[in-house]
Amino acid sequence: MANLFDGVRAVLFDMDGTLVETNIDFPLMRREVLALGGKYGVPDCDLEGLDILSAVDLIDARLRETSRDNEAVRARQEALEKLEQIELAHSEDAAPIEGAHDVLRALREVGLKTAIVTRNCRTAAQLSLEITGISADILLTRDDVRKTKPHPDHLFMALEMLEVPPSQAVTVGDHWMDVQGGKAAGTRTVGFLRPDRPDDFFDREQPDLVIRRLAELLDPIERLRK
């Protein structure tokens, strides 16, 4: 099998659950967004099956459909402020994922560029990275883009900033949204299968590689030295 990193110039990483463990309370975030939807007349059934940020987008859209633009702005602001509050509360306990420092160090040593592309807010992301000592060439958060992963625009912006075409990049993440976004952007993809996930978690997205430990990336990276 060819080395996944052959011809690659940049690696785009998800943050929470991939490089950093924050244990953010996502169920609480979802409950808060559902409550906000109810406050503005958008029922839970309309938001079922949506990820948290997509649910915020739908609340915004429904309000604008009925010419309640001012309420749409207010609802989005309330939602993002609540999500940021929850993220910050958990970021203070952030810890690096095993192997994260080693993988990032190895990538730097072989001259590959790196980016962290996260759906988290910038304030919480920066705090998590400072606490863990994790760093990359660029950090791109939900505050920096209009459309977040799995929409490819989030990854396209990172690639543009790194000045690397999608065909020469790899996207690494622990969620199907990372793999879906990476494929939509035209990058190679790695699904990081966390211990609490079923073996078939990435079956629908079919990433180029599935790993159970970040350290599994070290061998293909090291082979670039030869």
N, C-alpha and C. Protein backbone atom coordinates (compact mmCIF):
# COMPACT_ATOMS: atom_id res chain seq x y z
N MET A 1 0.85 -1.20 0.00
CA MET A 1 0.00 0.00 0.00
C MET A 1 0.88 1.25 0.00
N ALA A 2 0.56 2.21 -0.86
CA ALA A 2 1.35 3.44 -0.93
C ALA A 2 1.22 4.21 0.38
N ASN A 3 2.26 4.95 0.70
CA ASN A 3 2.27 5.76 1.91
C ASN A 3 1.23 6.88 1.76
N LEU A 4 0.33 6.98 2.73
CA LEU A 4 -0.72 8.00 2.69
C LEU A 4 -0.13 9.40 2.59
N PHE A 5 1.08 9.58 3.11
CA PHE A 5 1.69 10.91 3.16
C PHE A 5 2.58 11.22 1.96
N ASP A 6 2.70 10.31 1.01
CA ASP A 6 3.49 10.58 -0.19
C ASP A 6 2.91 11.78 -0.94
N GLY A 7 3.75 12.76 -1.22
CA GLY A 7 3.31 13.94 -1.96
C GLY A 7 2.51 14.92 -1.14
N VAL A 8 2.35 14.66 0.16
CA VAL A 8 1.57 15.55 1.03
C VAL A 8 2.43 16.69 1.56
N ARG A 9 1.83 17.88 1.62
CA ARG A 9 2.54 19.06 2.13
C ARG A 9 1.90 19.63 3.38
N ALA A 10 0.68 19.18 3.72
CA ALA A 10 0.00 19.74 4.89
C ALA A 10 -0.95 18.70 5.49
N VAL A 11 -1.11 18.78 6.81
CA VAL A 11 -2.05 17.92 7.52
C VAL A 11 -2.98 18.80 8.33
N LEU A 12 -4.30 18.60 8.14
CA LEU A 12 -5.32 19.37 8.84
C LEU A 12 -5.92 18.50 9.94
N PHE A 13 -5.84 18.95 11.17
CA PHE A 13 -6.34 18.18 12.31
C PHE A 13 -7.60 18.81 12.89
N ASP A 14 -8.53 17.96 13.28
CA ASP A 14 -9.57 18.37 14.19
C ASP A 14 -8.89 18.59 15.55
N MET A 15 -9.55 19.28 16.46
CA MET A 15 -8.93 19.52 17.77
C MET A 15 -9.52 18.64 18.86
N ASP A 16 -10.75 18.94 19.28
CA ASP A 16 -11.35 18.24 20.42
C ASP A 16 -11.58 16.78 20.08
N GLY A 17 -10.99 15.88 20.85
CA GLY A 17 -11.13 14.46 20.61
C GLY A 17 -10.09 13.89 19.67
N THR A 18 -9.33 14.77 19.01
CA THR A 18 -8.29 14.32 18.09
C THR A 18 -6.90 14.67 18.62
N LEU A 19 -6.69 15.94 18.95
CA LEU A 19 -5.42 16.38 19.53
C LEU A 19 -5.55 16.70 21.01
N VAL A 20 -6.74 17.13 21.40
CA VAL A 20 -6.96 17.59 22.78
C VAL A 20 -8.21 16.93 23.35
N GLU A 21 -8.13 16.51 24.59
CA GLU A 21 -9.29 15.96 25.30
C GLU A 21 -9.84 17.05 26.21
N THR A 22 -11.08 17.47 25.95
CA THR A 22 -11.69 18.50 26.80
C THR A 22 -12.92 17.98 27.54
N ASN A 23 -13.48 16.87 27.06
CA ASN A 23 -14.70 16.31 27.68
C ASN A 23 -15.83 17.33 27.71
N ILE A 24 -15.97 18.10 26.63
CA ILE A 24 -17.06 19.06 26.53
C ILE A 24 -18.39 18.34 26.65
N ASP A 25 -19.32 18.92 27.36
CA ASP A 25 -20.63 18.31 27.59
C ASP A 25 -21.54 18.62 26.39
N PHE A 26 -21.41 17.81 25.34
CA PHE A 26 -22.20 18.03 24.13
C PHE A 26 -23.70 17.82 24.36
N PRO A 27 -24.11 16.84 25.18
CA PRO A 27 -25.55 16.72 25.45
C PRO A 27 -26.13 17.99 26.08
N LEU A 28 -25.36 18.63 26.98
CA LEU A 28 -25.82 19.88 27.57
C LEU A 28 -25.92 20.96 26.51
N MET A 29 -24.95 21.03 25.61
CA MET A 29 -25.00 22.02 24.54
C MET A 29 -26.25 21.81 23.68
N ARG A 30 -26.56 20.55 23.38
CA ARG A 30 -27.74 20.26 22.57
C ARG A 30 -29.02 20.69 23.30
N ARG A 31 -29.09 20.39 24.60
CA ARG A 31 -30.29 20.78 25.36
C ARG A 31 -30.47 22.29 25.37
N GLU A 32 -29.38 23.01 25.49
CA GLU A 32 -29.47 24.48 25.51
C GLU A 32 -29.96 25.01 24.16
N VAL A 33 -29.50 24.41 23.07
CA VAL A 33 -29.93 24.87 21.75
C VAL A 33 -31.39 24.52 21.51
N LEU A 34 -31.82 23.34 21.94
CA LEU A 34 -33.23 22.96 21.81
C LEU A 34 -34.12 23.91 22.61
N ALA A 35 -33.66 24.26 23.81
CA ALA A 35 -34.43 25.20 24.64
C ALA A 35 -34.52 26.56 23.96
N LEU A 36 -33.44 26.97 23.33
CA LEU A 36 -33.45 28.25 22.63
C LEU A 36 -34.42 28.19 21.44
N GLY A 37 -34.41 27.06 20.74
CA GLY A 37 -35.35 26.91 19.63
C GLY A 37 -36.78 27.04 20.11
N GLY A 38 -37.10 26.41 21.23
CA GLY A 38 -38.44 26.52 21.79
C GLY A 38 -38.79 27.93 22.15
N LYS A 39 -37.83 28.66 22.69
CA LYS A 39 -38.05 30.05 23.08
C LYS A 39 -38.46 30.90 21.87
N TYR A 40 -37.89 30.57 20.70
CA TYR A 40 -38.18 31.37 19.50
C TYR A 40 -39.19 30.68 18.58
N GLY A 41 -39.86 29.65 19.09
CA GLY A 41 -40.94 29.03 18.33
C GLY A 41 -40.53 27.98 17.33
N VAL A 42 -39.31 27.44 17.46
CA VAL A 42 -38.86 26.35 16.58
C VAL A 42 -38.91 25.06 17.39
N PRO A 43 -39.82 24.15 17.08
CA PRO A 43 -40.00 22.95 17.90
C PRO A 43 -38.84 21.96 17.81
N ASP A 44 -38.70 21.13 18.86
CA ASP A 44 -37.63 20.14 18.91
C ASP A 44 -37.64 19.22 17.69
N CYS A 45 -38.83 18.86 17.22
CA CYS A 45 -38.92 17.91 16.10
C CYS A 45 -38.25 18.44 14.84
N ASP A 46 -38.22 19.76 14.68
CA ASP A 46 -37.57 20.35 13.51
C ASP A 46 -36.05 20.30 13.62
N LEU A 47 -35.55 20.15 14.84
CA LEU A 47 -34.10 20.17 15.07
C LEU A 47 -33.52 18.78 15.28
N GLU A 48 -34.38 17.77 15.33
CA GLU A 48 -33.92 16.40 15.54
C GLU A 48 -33.01 15.95 14.41
N GLY A 49 -31.94 15.24 14.76
CA GLY A 49 -31.03 14.70 13.77
C GLY A 49 -29.98 15.67 13.29
N LEU A 50 -30.07 16.94 13.71
CA LEU A 50 -29.09 17.94 13.30
C LEU A 50 -27.97 18.02 14.34
N ASP A 51 -26.74 18.29 13.86
CA ASP A 51 -25.68 18.57 14.82
C ASP A 51 -25.95 19.94 15.44
N ILE A 52 -25.23 20.27 16.49
CA ILE A 52 -25.53 21.46 17.29
C ILE A 52 -25.48 22.75 16.47
N LEU A 53 -24.43 22.93 15.70
CA LEU A 53 -24.30 24.17 14.94
C LEU A 53 -25.32 24.24 13.80
N SER A 54 -25.65 23.10 13.22
CA SER A 54 -26.68 23.09 12.18
C SER A 54 -28.04 23.44 12.78
N ALA A 55 -28.28 23.03 14.03
CA ALA A 55 -29.52 23.39 14.70
C ALA A 55 -29.60 24.91 14.91
N VAL A 56 -28.48 25.52 15.27
CA VAL A 56 -28.44 26.98 15.42
C VAL A 56 -28.75 27.65 14.08
N ASP A 57 -28.17 27.11 13.00
CA ASP A 57 -28.41 27.66 11.67
C ASP A 57 -29.89 27.55 11.29
N LEU A 58 -30.52 26.44 11.65
CA LEU A 58 -31.93 26.25 11.29
C LEU A 58 -32.82 27.22 12.06
N ILE A 59 -32.53 27.45 13.33
CA ILE A 59 -33.30 28.43 14.10
C ILE A 59 -33.20 29.80 13.45
N ASP A 60 -31.98 30.16 13.07
CA ASP A 60 -31.75 31.43 12.38
C ASP A 60 -32.58 31.49 11.09
N ALA A 61 -32.52 30.42 10.29
CA ALA A 61 -33.22 30.41 8.99
C ALA A 61 -34.73 30.50 9.17
N ARG A 62 -35.28 29.77 10.14
CA ARG A 62 -36.72 29.79 10.35
C ARG A 62 -37.21 31.18 10.73
N LEU A 63 -36.44 31.87 11.55
CA LEU A 63 -36.83 33.21 11.94
C LEU A 63 -36.77 34.18 10.77
N ARG A 64 -35.77 34.02 9.92
CA ARG A 64 -35.66 34.91 8.76
C ARG A 64 -36.75 34.62 7.74
N GLU A 65 -37.20 33.37 7.67
CA GLU A 65 -38.28 33.03 6.74
C GLU A 65 -39.56 33.79 7.04
N THR A 66 -39.72 34.17 8.30
CA THR A 66 -40.93 34.91 8.70
C THR A 66 -40.60 36.38 9.00
N SER A 67 -39.53 36.85 8.36
CA SER A 67 -39.12 38.26 8.44
C SER A 67 -38.84 38.71 9.88
N ARG A 68 -38.35 37.79 10.69
CA ARG A 68 -37.96 38.13 12.07
C ARG A 68 -36.44 38.22 12.14
N ASP A 69 -35.86 39.05 11.27
CA ASP A 69 -34.41 39.11 11.14
C ASP A 69 -33.72 39.54 12.43
N ASN A 70 -34.29 40.51 13.12
CA ASN A 70 -33.67 40.96 14.37
C ASN A 70 -33.64 39.85 15.42
N GLU A 71 -34.72 39.08 15.48
CA GLU A 71 -34.76 37.96 16.41
C GLU A 71 -33.76 36.88 15.99
N ALA A 72 -33.58 36.71 14.69
CA ALA A 72 -32.62 35.72 14.19
C ALA A 72 -31.21 36.06 14.66
N VAL A 73 -30.86 37.34 14.56
CA VAL A 73 -29.54 37.80 15.01
C VAL A 73 -29.40 37.57 16.51
N ARG A 74 -30.44 37.90 17.24
CA ARG A 74 -30.40 37.75 18.69
C ARG A 74 -30.32 36.28 19.10
N ALA A 75 -31.07 35.43 18.42
CA ALA A 75 -31.07 34.00 18.75
C ALA A 75 -29.70 33.39 18.49
N ARG A 76 -29.09 33.73 17.36
CA ARG A 76 -27.76 33.19 17.06
C ARG A 76 -26.74 33.66 18.10
N GLN A 77 -26.81 34.91 18.47
CA GLN A 77 -25.87 35.44 19.46
C GLN A 77 -26.05 34.73 20.80
N GLU A 78 -27.30 34.55 21.21
CA GLU A 78 -27.57 33.85 22.48
C GLU A 78 -27.03 32.43 22.44
N ALA A 79 -27.25 31.75 21.32
CA ALA A 79 -26.81 30.36 21.19
C ALA A 79 -25.30 30.26 21.26
N LEU A 80 -24.61 31.09 20.51
CA LEU A 80 -23.14 31.01 20.47
C LEU A 80 -22.53 31.41 21.81
N GLU A 81 -23.14 32.35 22.49
CA GLU A 81 -22.64 32.74 23.81
C GLU A 81 -22.79 31.59 24.80
N LYS A 82 -23.92 30.89 24.75
CA LYS A 82 -24.14 29.75 25.64
C LYS A 82 -23.17 28.61 25.32
N LEU A 83 -22.97 28.33 24.04
CA LEU A 83 -22.04 27.28 23.65
C LEU A 83 -20.61 27.62 24.08
N GLU A 84 -20.23 28.88 23.91
CA GLU A 84 -18.88 29.30 24.32
C GLU A 84 -18.72 29.15 25.83
N GLN A 85 -19.74 29.49 26.58
CA GLN A 85 -19.68 29.36 28.03
C GLN A 85 -19.43 27.91 28.44
N ILE A 86 -20.12 26.99 27.81
CA ILE A 86 -19.95 25.57 28.13
C ILE A 86 -18.57 25.08 27.71
N GLU A 87 -18.11 25.49 26.53
CA GLU A 87 -16.80 25.07 26.04
C GLU A 87 -15.68 25.58 26.96
N LEU A 88 -15.80 26.83 27.38
CA LEU A 88 -14.76 27.40 28.25
C LEU A 88 -14.70 26.68 29.59
N ALA A 89 -15.84 26.29 30.10
CA ALA A 89 -15.88 25.60 31.39
C ALA A 89 -15.12 24.28 31.34
N HIS A 90 -15.12 23.63 30.18
CA HIS A 90 -14.43 22.35 30.05
C HIS A 90 -12.99 22.49 29.56
N SER A 91 -12.69 23.58 28.89
CA SER A 91 -11.35 23.76 28.34
C SER A 91 -10.30 23.90 29.43
N GLU A 92 -10.72 24.33 30.60
CA GLU A 92 -9.76 24.50 31.70
C GLU A 92 -9.16 23.16 32.14
N ASP A 93 -9.81 22.06 31.82
CA ASP A 93 -9.33 20.73 32.18
C ASP A 93 -8.75 19.99 30.98
N ALA A 94 -8.40 20.73 29.93
CA ALA A 94 -7.91 20.11 28.71
C ALA A 94 -6.61 19.34 28.93
N ALA A 95 -6.47 18.25 28.20
CA ALA A 95 -5.25 17.43 28.26
C ALA A 95 -4.93 16.95 26.84
N PRO A 96 -3.65 16.81 26.51
CA PRO A 96 -3.31 16.34 25.16
C PRO A 96 -3.69 14.88 24.96
N ILE A 97 -4.17 14.55 23.78
CA ILE A 97 -4.42 13.16 23.43
C ILE A 97 -3.06 12.45 23.32
N GLU A 98 -3.00 11.22 23.78
CA GLU A 98 -1.75 10.47 23.72
C GLU A 98 -1.22 10.42 22.28
N GLY A 99 0.04 10.81 22.11
CA GLY A 99 0.67 10.79 20.80
C GLY A 99 0.57 12.08 20.03
N ALA A 100 -0.25 13.03 20.50
CA ALA A 100 -0.45 14.28 19.74
C ALA A 100 0.85 15.06 19.58
N HIS A 101 1.57 15.24 20.68
CA HIS A 101 2.83 16.00 20.61
C HIS A 101 3.83 15.31 19.69
N ASP A 102 3.91 13.99 19.78
CA ASP A 102 4.88 13.24 18.96
C ASP A 102 4.56 13.36 17.48
N VAL A 103 3.28 13.25 17.13
CA VAL A 103 2.89 13.33 15.72
C VAL A 103 3.15 14.73 15.16
N LEU A 104 2.77 15.76 15.90
CA LEU A 104 3.00 17.13 15.43
C LEU A 104 4.49 17.43 15.30
N ARG A 105 5.28 16.93 16.25
CA ARG A 105 6.73 17.13 16.19
C ARG A 105 7.32 16.44 14.95
N ALA A 106 6.87 15.22 14.68
CA ALA A 106 7.37 14.47 13.53
C ALA A 106 7.01 15.17 12.22
N LEU A 107 5.81 15.72 12.14
CA LEU A 107 5.40 16.45 10.94
C LEU A 107 6.26 17.68 10.71
N ARG A 108 6.55 18.39 11.79
CA ARG A 108 7.42 19.57 11.66
C ARG A 108 8.82 19.16 11.18
N GLU A 109 9.31 18.06 11.72
CA GLU A 109 10.67 17.63 11.38
C GLU A 109 10.82 17.23 9.92
N VAL A 110 9.74 16.74 9.31
CA VAL A 110 9.82 16.37 7.89
C VAL A 110 9.34 17.49 6.99
N GLY A 111 9.04 18.65 7.57
CA GLY A 111 8.71 19.84 6.79
C GLY A 111 7.28 19.96 6.32
N LEU A 112 6.35 19.23 6.94
CA LEU A 112 4.95 19.36 6.56
C LEU A 112 4.27 20.46 7.38
N LYS A 113 3.39 21.21 6.72
CA LYS A 113 2.62 22.24 7.39
C LYS A 113 1.46 21.61 8.15
N THR A 114 1.00 22.30 9.18
CA THR A 114 -0.12 21.77 9.96
C THR A 114 -1.15 22.86 10.25
N ALA A 115 -2.39 22.41 10.39
CA ALA A 115 -3.48 23.31 10.77
C ALA A 115 -4.40 22.59 11.73
N ILE A 116 -5.00 23.35 12.62
CA ILE A 116 -6.06 22.84 13.49
C ILE A 116 -7.34 23.49 13.04
N VAL A 117 -8.30 22.68 12.61
CA VAL A 117 -9.58 23.17 12.09
C VAL A 117 -10.67 22.63 13.01
N THR A 118 -11.25 23.51 13.81
CA THR A 118 -12.18 23.07 14.85
C THR A 118 -13.52 23.81 14.78
N ARG A 119 -14.58 23.11 15.17
CA ARG A 119 -15.89 23.72 15.28
C ARG A 119 -16.06 24.42 16.62
N ASN A 120 -15.06 24.35 17.49
CA ASN A 120 -15.11 25.06 18.77
C ASN A 120 -14.91 26.55 18.54
N CYS A 121 -15.26 27.35 19.54
CA CYS A 121 -15.03 28.79 19.45
C CYS A 121 -13.54 29.08 19.65
N ARG A 122 -13.10 30.24 19.18
CA ARG A 122 -11.67 30.56 19.25
C ARG A 122 -11.18 30.71 20.68
N THR A 123 -11.94 31.37 21.55
CA THR A 123 -11.50 31.59 22.92
C THR A 123 -11.22 30.27 23.63
N ALA A 124 -12.14 29.32 23.53
CA ALA A 124 -11.98 28.03 24.19
C ALA A 124 -10.87 27.22 23.53
N ALA A 125 -10.78 27.28 22.21
CA ALA A 125 -9.75 26.53 21.51
C ALA A 125 -8.36 27.02 21.90
N GLN A 126 -8.18 28.32 21.92
CA GLN A 126 -6.88 28.87 22.30
C GLN A 126 -6.51 28.50 23.73
N LEU A 127 -7.49 28.52 24.63
CA LEU A 127 -7.23 28.14 26.01
C LEU A 127 -6.80 26.68 26.09
N SER A 128 -7.50 25.80 25.40
CA SER A 128 -7.15 24.38 25.40
C SER A 128 -5.74 24.15 24.87
N LEU A 129 -5.40 24.85 23.80
CA LEU A 129 -4.08 24.67 23.20
C LEU A 129 -2.98 25.22 24.11
N GLU A 130 -3.25 26.33 24.77
CA GLU A 130 -2.26 26.88 25.70
C GLU A 130 -2.01 25.93 26.86
N ILE A 131 -3.08 25.37 27.40
CA ILE A 131 -2.96 24.47 28.55
C ILE A 131 -2.20 23.20 28.18
N THR A 132 -2.46 22.68 26.98
CA THR A 132 -1.85 21.41 26.57
C THR A 132 -0.51 21.57 25.87
N GLY A 133 -0.19 22.78 25.44
CA GLY A 133 1.06 22.98 24.72
C GLY A 133 1.00 22.50 23.28
N ILE A 134 -0.20 22.23 22.78
CA ILE A 134 -0.38 21.79 21.40
C ILE A 134 -0.37 23.02 20.50
N SER A 135 0.31 22.92 19.35
CA SER A 135 0.33 24.06 18.43
C SER A 135 0.43 23.58 16.99
N ALA A 136 -0.01 24.43 16.08
CA ALA A 136 0.08 24.16 14.65
C ALA A 136 0.38 25.48 13.94
N ASP A 137 0.61 25.41 12.65
CA ASP A 137 0.92 26.64 11.91
C ASP A 137 -0.26 27.61 11.91
N ILE A 138 -1.47 27.08 11.82
CA ILE A 138 -2.65 27.95 11.89
C ILE A 138 -3.74 27.28 12.72
N LEU A 139 -4.60 28.11 13.29
CA LEU A 139 -5.79 27.66 14.01
C LEU A 139 -6.99 28.31 13.36
N LEU A 140 -7.96 27.50 12.96
CA LEU A 140 -9.17 28.01 12.31
C LEU A 140 -10.37 27.47 13.09
N THR A 141 -11.17 28.38 13.67
CA THR A 141 -12.29 27.99 14.51
C THR A 141 -13.62 28.33 13.84
N ARG A 142 -14.72 28.03 14.54
CA ARG A 142 -16.03 28.37 13.96
C ARG A 142 -16.23 29.87 13.88
N ASP A 143 -15.47 30.63 14.70
CA ASP A 143 -15.61 32.08 14.68
C ASP A 143 -15.00 32.69 13.42
N ASP A 144 -14.20 31.90 12.70
CA ASP A 144 -13.48 32.43 11.55
C ASP A 144 -14.17 32.17 10.22
N VAL A 145 -15.23 31.36 10.24
CA VAL A 145 -15.89 30.99 8.98
C VAL A 145 -17.41 31.05 9.14
N ARG A 146 -18.10 31.14 8.04
CA ARG A 146 -19.57 31.13 8.07
C ARG A 146 -20.08 29.70 8.09
N LYS A 147 -19.39 28.80 7.38
CA LYS A 147 -19.81 27.41 7.30
C LYS A 147 -18.70 26.51 7.84
N THR A 148 -19.02 25.75 8.88
CA THR A 148 -18.04 24.88 9.52
C THR A 148 -18.11 23.46 8.97
N LYS A 149 -17.12 22.66 9.35
CA LYS A 149 -17.16 21.23 8.98
C LYS A 149 -18.52 20.64 9.35
N PRO A 150 -19.07 19.79 8.52
CA PRO A 150 -18.46 19.10 7.37
C PRO A 150 -18.46 19.88 6.06
N HIS A 151 -18.89 21.13 6.08
CA HIS A 151 -18.82 21.93 4.85
C HIS A 151 -17.35 22.13 4.49
N PRO A 152 -16.99 21.91 3.23
CA PRO A 152 -15.58 22.01 2.84
C PRO A 152 -14.97 23.41 2.96
N ASP A 153 -15.80 24.46 3.01
CA ASP A 153 -15.26 25.82 3.10
C ASP A 153 -14.34 25.98 4.30
N HIS A 154 -14.66 25.30 5.39
CA HIS A 154 -13.83 25.40 6.60
C HIS A 154 -12.42 24.91 6.31
N LEU A 155 -12.33 23.81 5.55
CA LEU A 155 -11.03 23.24 5.21
C LEU A 155 -10.37 24.00 4.06
N PHE A 156 -11.19 24.47 3.12
CA PHE A 156 -10.64 25.25 2.01
C PHE A 156 -9.90 26.49 2.53
N MET A 157 -10.48 27.15 3.54
CA MET A 157 -9.83 28.34 4.06
C MET A 157 -8.48 27.99 4.68
N ALA A 158 -8.42 26.89 5.41
CA ALA A 158 -7.15 26.47 6.01
C ALA A 158 -6.11 26.18 4.93
N LEU A 159 -6.53 25.50 3.88
CA LEU A 159 -5.61 25.17 2.79
C LEU A 159 -5.13 26.43 2.07
N GLU A 160 -6.04 27.38 1.91
CA GLU A 160 -5.66 28.65 1.27
C GLU A 160 -4.63 29.39 2.11
N MET A 161 -4.82 29.38 3.43
CA MET A 161 -3.88 30.05 4.31
C MET A 161 -2.52 29.36 4.31
N LEU A 162 -2.53 28.04 4.14
CA LEU A 162 -1.27 27.28 4.10
C LEU A 162 -0.65 27.28 2.71
N GLU A 163 -1.41 27.72 1.73
CA GLU A 163 -0.98 27.74 0.32
C GLU A 163 -0.65 26.33 -0.17
N VAL A 164 -1.57 25.42 0.12
CA VAL A 164 -1.42 24.01 -0.26
C VAL A 164 -2.71 23.55 -0.93
N PRO A 165 -2.65 22.90 -2.10
CA PRO A 165 -3.86 22.41 -2.75
C PRO A 165 -4.42 21.19 -2.01
N PRO A 166 -5.73 20.95 -2.12
CA PRO A 166 -6.35 19.82 -1.42
C PRO A 166 -5.70 18.48 -1.74
N SER A 167 -5.25 18.29 -2.98
CA SER A 167 -4.66 17.01 -3.38
C SER A 167 -3.36 16.71 -2.65
N GLN A 168 -2.79 17.73 -1.99
CA GLN A 168 -1.53 17.54 -1.27
C GLN A 168 -1.73 17.70 0.24
N ALA A 169 -2.94 17.36 0.70
CA ALA A 169 -3.25 17.50 2.12
C ALA A 169 -3.97 16.27 2.66
N VAL A 170 -3.87 16.09 3.96
CA VAL A 170 -4.56 15.01 4.68
C VAL A 170 -5.38 15.64 5.79
N THR A 171 -6.62 15.18 5.95
CA THR A 171 -7.47 15.62 7.06
C THR A 171 -7.57 14.49 8.07
N VAL A 172 -7.33 14.81 9.35
CA VAL A 172 -7.37 13.82 10.42
C VAL A 172 -8.41 14.24 11.46
N GLY A 173 -9.34 13.35 11.79
CA GLY A 173 -10.34 13.70 12.80
C GLY A 173 -11.01 12.48 13.39
N ASP A 174 -11.65 12.68 14.53
CA ASP A 174 -12.29 11.56 15.24
C ASP A 174 -13.79 11.48 14.99
N HIS A 175 -14.31 12.33 14.12
CA HIS A 175 -15.75 12.34 13.87
C HIS A 175 -16.01 12.20 12.37
N TRP A 176 -17.20 11.66 12.04
CA TRP A 176 -17.54 11.52 10.63
C TRP A 176 -17.56 12.86 9.91
N MET A 177 -17.84 13.95 10.65
CA MET A 177 -17.87 15.27 10.02
C MET A 177 -16.49 15.67 9.50
N ASP A 178 -15.43 15.24 10.20
CA ASP A 178 -14.07 15.54 9.76
C ASP A 178 -13.76 14.82 8.45
N VAL A 179 -14.12 13.54 8.40
CA VAL A 179 -13.86 12.75 7.20
C VAL A 179 -14.72 13.23 6.04
N GLN A 180 -15.98 13.49 6.31
CA GLN A 180 -16.88 13.98 5.27
C GLN A 180 -16.39 15.31 4.72
N GLY A 181 -15.98 16.21 5.63
CA GLY A 181 -15.47 17.51 5.19
C GLY A 181 -14.19 17.38 4.39
N GLY A 182 -13.29 16.51 4.84
CA GLY A 182 -12.03 16.30 4.14
C GLY A 182 -12.25 15.77 2.74
N LYS A 183 -13.17 14.80 2.61
CA LYS A 183 -13.46 14.25 1.28
C LYS A 183 -14.10 15.30 0.38
N ALA A 184 -15.02 16.10 0.94
CA ALA A 184 -15.67 17.14 0.15
C ALA A 184 -14.66 18.19 -0.33
N ALA A 185 -13.64 18.41 0.47
CA ALA A 185 -12.61 19.39 0.10
C ALA A 185 -11.58 18.80 -0.85
N GLY A 186 -11.57 17.47 -1.02
CA GLY A 186 -10.63 16.84 -1.93
C GLY A 186 -9.32 16.42 -1.31
N THR A 187 -9.28 16.32 0.03
CA THR A 187 -8.05 15.87 0.70
C THR A 187 -8.11 14.37 0.95
N ARG A 188 -6.98 13.79 1.30
CA ARG A 188 -6.96 12.42 1.81
C ARG A 188 -7.48 12.48 3.25
N THR A 189 -7.97 11.38 3.75
CA THR A 189 -8.62 11.43 5.06
C THR A 189 -8.18 10.29 5.98
N VAL A 190 -8.11 10.61 7.28
CA VAL A 190 -7.81 9.64 8.32
C VAL A 190 -8.90 9.73 9.38
N GLY A 191 -9.53 8.60 9.67
CA GLY A 191 -10.51 8.55 10.74
C GLY A 191 -9.87 8.00 12.00
N PHE A 192 -9.90 8.79 13.06
CA PHE A 192 -9.32 8.39 14.34
C PHE A 192 -10.44 7.74 15.16
N LEU A 193 -10.41 6.42 15.24
CA LEU A 193 -11.47 5.66 15.91
C LEU A 193 -11.19 5.60 17.40
N ARG A 194 -11.90 6.43 18.15
CA ARG A 194 -11.71 6.47 19.60
C ARG A 194 -12.24 5.19 20.26
N PRO A 195 -11.74 4.84 21.46
CA PRO A 195 -12.15 3.59 22.12
C PRO A 195 -13.64 3.48 22.38
N ASP A 196 -14.33 4.62 22.54
CA ASP A 196 -15.76 4.57 22.85
C ASP A 196 -16.64 4.50 21.61
N ARG A 197 -16.02 4.38 20.44
CA ARG A 197 -16.78 4.34 19.19
C ARG A 197 -16.84 2.91 18.65
N PRO A 198 -17.95 2.54 18.00
CA PRO A 198 -18.06 1.19 17.42
C PRO A 198 -17.11 1.04 16.23
N ASP A 199 -16.78 -0.21 15.93
CA ASP A 199 -15.84 -0.48 14.84
C ASP A 199 -16.31 0.06 13.50
N ASP A 200 -17.62 0.14 13.31
CA ASP A 200 -18.15 0.57 12.01
C ASP A 200 -18.45 2.07 11.96
N PHE A 201 -17.92 2.83 12.89
CA PHE A 201 -18.25 4.25 13.00
C PHE A 201 -17.97 5.02 11.70
N PHE A 202 -16.90 4.67 11.00
CA PHE A 202 -16.53 5.39 9.78
C PHE A 202 -16.91 4.64 8.50
N ASP A 203 -17.69 3.58 8.63
CA ASP A 203 -17.99 2.77 7.45
C ASP A 203 -18.67 3.56 6.34
N ARG A 204 -19.56 4.46 6.68
CA ARG A 204 -20.27 5.22 5.65
C ARG A 204 -19.35 6.19 4.92
N GLU A 205 -18.40 6.78 5.67
CA GLU A 205 -17.53 7.79 5.06
C GLU A 205 -16.33 7.19 4.34
N GLN A 206 -15.92 5.99 4.72
CA GLN A 206 -14.80 5.31 4.08
C GLN A 206 -13.54 6.18 3.98
N PRO A 207 -12.94 6.56 5.13
CA PRO A 207 -11.69 7.32 5.07
C PRO A 207 -10.58 6.48 4.45
N ASP A 208 -9.54 7.14 3.99
CA ASP A 208 -8.41 6.42 3.37
C ASP A 208 -7.69 5.54 4.38
N LEU A 209 -7.75 5.94 5.64
CA LEU A 209 -7.09 5.17 6.69
C LEU A 209 -7.88 5.34 7.99
N VAL A 210 -8.02 4.26 8.75
CA VAL A 210 -8.63 4.31 10.07
C VAL A 210 -7.57 3.91 11.09
N ILE A 211 -7.39 4.73 12.13
CA ILE A 211 -6.41 4.44 13.16
C ILE A 211 -7.10 4.39 14.52
N ARG A 212 -6.50 3.70 15.46
CA ARG A 212 -7.02 3.65 16.82
C ARG A 212 -6.14 4.43 17.79
N ARG A 213 -4.93 4.76 17.34
CA ARG A 213 -4.01 5.57 18.15
C ARG A 213 -3.32 6.56 17.22
N LEU A 214 -3.12 7.79 17.69
CA LEU A 214 -2.42 8.77 16.85
C LEU A 214 -1.02 8.30 16.49
N ALA A 215 -0.42 7.54 17.38
CA ALA A 215 0.96 7.06 17.14
C ALA A 215 1.06 6.21 15.88
N GLU A 216 -0.06 5.69 15.39
CA GLU A 216 -0.03 4.91 14.16
C GLU A 216 0.38 5.76 12.95
N LEU A 217 0.29 7.07 13.10
CA LEU A 217 0.70 7.97 12.00
C LEU A 217 2.21 8.16 11.95
N LEU A 218 2.90 7.80 13.01
CA LEU A 218 4.35 8.06 13.07
C LEU A 218 5.13 7.27 12.02
N ASP A 219 4.77 6.01 11.81
CA ASP A 219 5.52 5.21 10.83
C ASP A 219 5.43 5.78 9.42
N PRO A 220 4.22 6.06 8.89
CA PRO A 220 4.18 6.66 7.54
C PRO A 220 4.84 8.02 7.47
N ILE A 221 4.83 8.78 8.55
CA ILE A 221 5.52 10.07 8.55
C ILE A 221 7.02 9.86 8.50
N GLU A 222 7.51 8.93 9.32
CA GLU A 222 8.95 8.65 9.37
C GLU A 222 9.47 8.14 8.04
N ARG A 223 8.62 7.42 7.28
CA ARG A 223 9.06 6.90 5.99
C ARG A 223 9.34 8.00 4.99
N LEU A 224 8.84 9.20 5.26
CA LEU A 224 9.12 10.33 4.36
C LEU A 224 10.58 10.75 4.45
N ARG A 225 11.26 10.36 5.51
CA ARG A 225 12.68 10.73 5.65
C ARG A 225 13.56 9.91 4.71
N LYS A 226 13.08 8.76 4.25
CA LYS A 226 13.90 7.83 3.48
C LYS A 226 13.91 8.17 2.01
